[in-house]
Amino acid sequence: MNNATVKSINGVTKIQNSSQETQKSDNNFSSILDKTLGELNSLQKKSDEAVKDIATGNVKDLHQAAIAINKAEMSMKLTLEVRNKALNAYKELARTQM
């Protein structure tokens, strides 16, 4: 019976250690947000380049250009929905009375 208790305590220590390691790494909210917005910006630039190539007639593969444009559009919609959900959550917290 004592052996089971020791095993569960070891499991808790492993969880605590892994949680501390996670906090030490750069996976905090601001770095994740920065990385995600950087990726969104990259997709938008590729989309703009594809639109420019289509407009000037320099497009090599129309299918790939359409995919780049749709990826950028979907990423922007997803980012806006995440932003809207975050704002709604903030407003809900602001309305909460303590």
C-alpha atoms as a PDB file:
ATOM      1  CA  MET A   1       0.000   0.000   0.000  1.00  0.00           C
ATOM      2  CA  ASN A   2       2.836   2.399   0.800  1.00  0.00           C
ATOM      3  CA  ASN A   3       4.451   1.469  -2.492  1.00  0.00           C
ATOM      4  CA  ALA A   4       1.373   2.709  -4.404  1.00  0.00           C
ATOM      5  CA  THR A   5       1.501   5.989  -2.512  1.00  0.00           C
ATOM      6  CA  VAL A   6       5.140   6.480  -3.447  1.00  0.00           C
ATOM      7  CA  LYS A   7       4.368   5.771  -7.097  1.00  0.00           C
ATOM      8  CA  SER A   8       1.593   8.352  -7.147  1.00  0.00           C
ATOM      9  CA  ILE A   9       3.841  10.936  -5.505  1.00  0.00           C
ATOM     10  CA  ASN A  10       6.511  10.224  -8.135  1.00  0.00           C
ATOM     11  CA  GLY A  11       3.881  10.771 -10.830  1.00  0.00           C
ATOM     12  CA  VAL A  12       2.928  14.105  -9.315  1.00  0.00           C
ATOM     13  CA  THR A  13       6.566  15.174  -9.189  1.00  0.00           C
ATOM     14  CA  LYS A  14       6.960  14.292 -12.856  1.00  0.00           C
ATOM     15  CA  ILE A  15       3.921  16.393 -13.718  1.00  0.00           C
ATOM     16  CA  GLN A  16       5.242  19.316 -11.700  1.00  0.00           C
ATOM     17  CA  ASN A  17       8.680  19.033 -13.309  1.00  0.00           C
ATOM     18  CA  SER A  18       7.223  18.921 -16.810  1.00  0.00           C
ATOM     19  CA  SER A  19       5.025  21.914 -16.030  1.00  0.00           C
ATOM     20  CA  GLN A  20       8.065  23.873 -14.839  1.00  0.00           C
ATOM     21  CA  GLU A  21       9.949  22.920 -17.997  1.00  0.00           C
ATOM     22  CA  THR A  22       7.027  24.127 -20.089  1.00  0.00           C
ATOM     23  CA  GLN A  23       7.047  27.460 -18.303  1.00  0.00           C
ATOM     24  CA  LYS A  24      10.785  27.809 -18.889  1.00  0.00           C
ATOM     25  CA  SER A  25      10.419  27.298 -22.613  1.00  0.00           C
ATOM     26  CA  ASP A  26       9.227  30.028 -24.928  1.00  0.00           C
ATOM     27  CA  ASN A  27       5.734  28.571 -25.271  1.00  0.00           C
ATOM     28  CA  ASN A  28       4.019  31.366 -23.414  1.00  0.00           C
ATOM     29  CA  PHE A  29       0.965  33.066 -24.857  1.00  0.00           C
ATOM     30  CA  SER A  30       2.767  36.069 -26.293  1.00  0.00           C
ATOM     31  CA  SER A  31       5.334  33.984 -28.191  1.00  0.00           C
ATOM     32  CA  ILE A  32       2.624  31.696 -29.586  1.00  0.00           C
ATOM     33  CA  LEU A  33       0.586  34.729 -30.629  1.00  0.00           C
ATOM     34  CA  ASP A  34       3.636  36.361 -32.209  1.00  0.00           C
ATOM     35  CA  LYS A  35       4.492  33.172 -34.128  1.00  0.00           C
ATOM     36  CA  THR A  36       0.917  32.737 -35.333  1.00  0.00           C
ATOM     37  CA  LEU A  37       0.618  36.336 -36.497  1.00  0.00           C
ATOM     38  CA  GLY A  38       3.954  35.992 -38.288  1.00  0.00           C
ATOM     39  CA  GLU A  39       2.652  32.941 -40.136  1.00  0.00           C
ATOM     40  CA  LEU A  40      -0.540  34.806 -41.011  1.00  0.00           C
ATOM     41  CA  ASN A  41       1.504  37.718 -42.345  1.00  0.00           C
ATOM     42  CA  SER A  42       3.574  35.324 -44.452  1.00  0.00           C
ATOM     43  CA  LEU A  43       0.435  33.769 -45.928  1.00  0.00           C
ATOM     44  CA  GLN A  44      -0.976  37.218 -46.694  1.00  0.00           C
ATOM     45  CA  LYS A  45       2.237  38.207 -48.486  1.00  0.00           C
ATOM     46  CA  LYS A  46       2.144  35.022 -50.580  1.00  0.00           C
ATOM     47  CA  SER A  47      -1.488  35.736 -51.406  1.00  0.00           C
ATOM     48  CA  ASP A  48      -0.697  39.301 -52.438  1.00  0.00           C
ATOM     49  CA  GLU A  49       2.130  38.051 -54.624  1.00  0.00           C
ATOM     50  CA  ALA A  50      -0.196  35.495 -56.238  1.00  0.00           C
ATOM     51  CA  VAL A  51      -2.829  38.164 -56.932  1.00  0.00           C
ATOM     52  CA  LYS A  52      -0.156  40.429 -58.425  1.00  0.00           C
ATOM     53  CA  ASP A  53       1.079  37.592 -60.646  1.00  0.00           C
ATOM     54  CA  ILE A  54      -2.461  36.852 -61.818  1.00  0.00           C
ATOM     55  CA  ALA A  55      -3.110  40.518 -62.562  1.00  0.00           C
ATOM     56  CA  THR A  56       0.102  40.940 -64.552  1.00  0.00           C
ATOM     57  CA  GLY A  57      -0.236  37.604 -66.345  1.00  0.00           C
ATOM     58  CA  ASN A  58       2.974  36.235 -64.844  1.00  0.00           C
ATOM     59  CA  VAL A  59       1.250  33.371 -63.049  1.00  0.00           C
ATOM     60  CA  LYS A  60       2.970  30.040 -63.632  1.00  0.00           C
ATOM     61  CA  ASP A  61       0.399  27.830 -61.958  1.00  0.00           C
ATOM     62  CA  LEU A  62      -3.085  29.245 -61.517  1.00  0.00           C
ATOM     63  CA  HIS A  63      -4.081  26.371 -59.244  1.00  0.00           C
ATOM     64  CA  GLN A  64      -1.253  27.093 -56.778  1.00  0.00           C
ATOM     65  CA  ALA A  65      -2.097  30.802 -56.845  1.00  0.00           C
ATOM     66  CA  ALA A  66      -5.733  30.044 -56.002  1.00  0.00           C
ATOM     67  CA  ILE A  67      -4.634  27.760 -53.162  1.00  0.00           C
ATOM     68  CA  ALA A  68      -2.365  30.482 -51.734  1.00  0.00           C
ATOM     69  CA  ILE A  69      -5.195  33.013 -51.851  1.00  0.00           C
ATOM     70  CA  ASN A  70      -7.661  30.642 -50.180  1.00  0.00           C
ATOM     71  CA  LYS A  71      -5.149  29.678 -47.471  1.00  0.00           C
ATOM     72  CA  ALA A  72      -4.616  33.328 -46.627  1.00  0.00           C
ATOM     73  CA  GLU A  73      -8.353  33.982 -46.583  1.00  0.00           C
ATOM     74  CA  MET A  74      -9.098  31.025 -44.308  1.00  0.00           C
ATOM     75  CA  SER A  75      -6.232  31.916 -41.974  1.00  0.00           C
ATOM     76  CA  MET A  76      -7.488  35.482 -41.688  1.00  0.00           C
ATOM     77  CA  LYS A  77     -11.027  34.292 -40.937  1.00  0.00           C
ATOM     78  CA  LEU A  78      -9.738  31.912 -38.270  1.00  0.00           C
ATOM     79  CA  THR A  79      -7.615  34.643 -36.687  1.00  0.00           C
ATOM     80  CA  LEU A  80     -10.562  37.026 -36.619  1.00  0.00           C
ATOM     81  CA  GLU A  81     -12.784  34.392 -35.000  1.00  0.00           C
ATOM     82  CA  VAL A  82     -10.162  33.702 -32.334  1.00  0.00           C
ATOM     83  CA  ARG A  83      -9.885  37.436 -31.709  1.00  0.00           C
ATOM     84  CA  ASN A  84     -13.671  37.764 -31.457  1.00  0.00           C
ATOM     85  CA  LYS A  85     -13.879  34.857 -28.997  1.00  0.00           C
ATOM     86  CA  ALA A  86     -11.087  36.363 -26.884  1.00  0.00           C
ATOM     87  CA  LEU A  87     -12.812  39.752 -26.839  1.00  0.00           C
ATOM     88  CA  ASN A  88     -16.136  38.179 -25.891  1.00  0.00           C
ATOM     89  CA  ALA A  89     -14.457  36.273 -23.069  1.00  0.00           C
ATOM     90  CA  TYR A  90     -12.814  39.478 -21.838  1.00  0.00           C
ATOM     91  CA  LYS A  91     -16.125  41.345 -21.944  1.00  0.00           C
ATOM     92  CA  GLU A  92     -17.811  38.533 -20.062  1.00  0.00           C
ATOM     93  CA  LEU A  93     -15.116  38.635 -17.386  1.00  0.00           C
ATOM     94  CA  ALA A  94     -15.450  42.416 -17.165  1.00  0.00           C
ATOM     95  CA  ARG A  95     -19.195  42.050 -16.560  1.00  0.00           C
ATOM     96  CA  THR A  96     -18.674  39.463 -13.829  1.00  0.00           C
ATOM     97  CA  GLN A  97     -19.343  40.910 -10.400  1.00  0.00           C
ATOM     98  CA  MET A  98     -17.131  39.888  -7.572  1.00  0.00           C
END
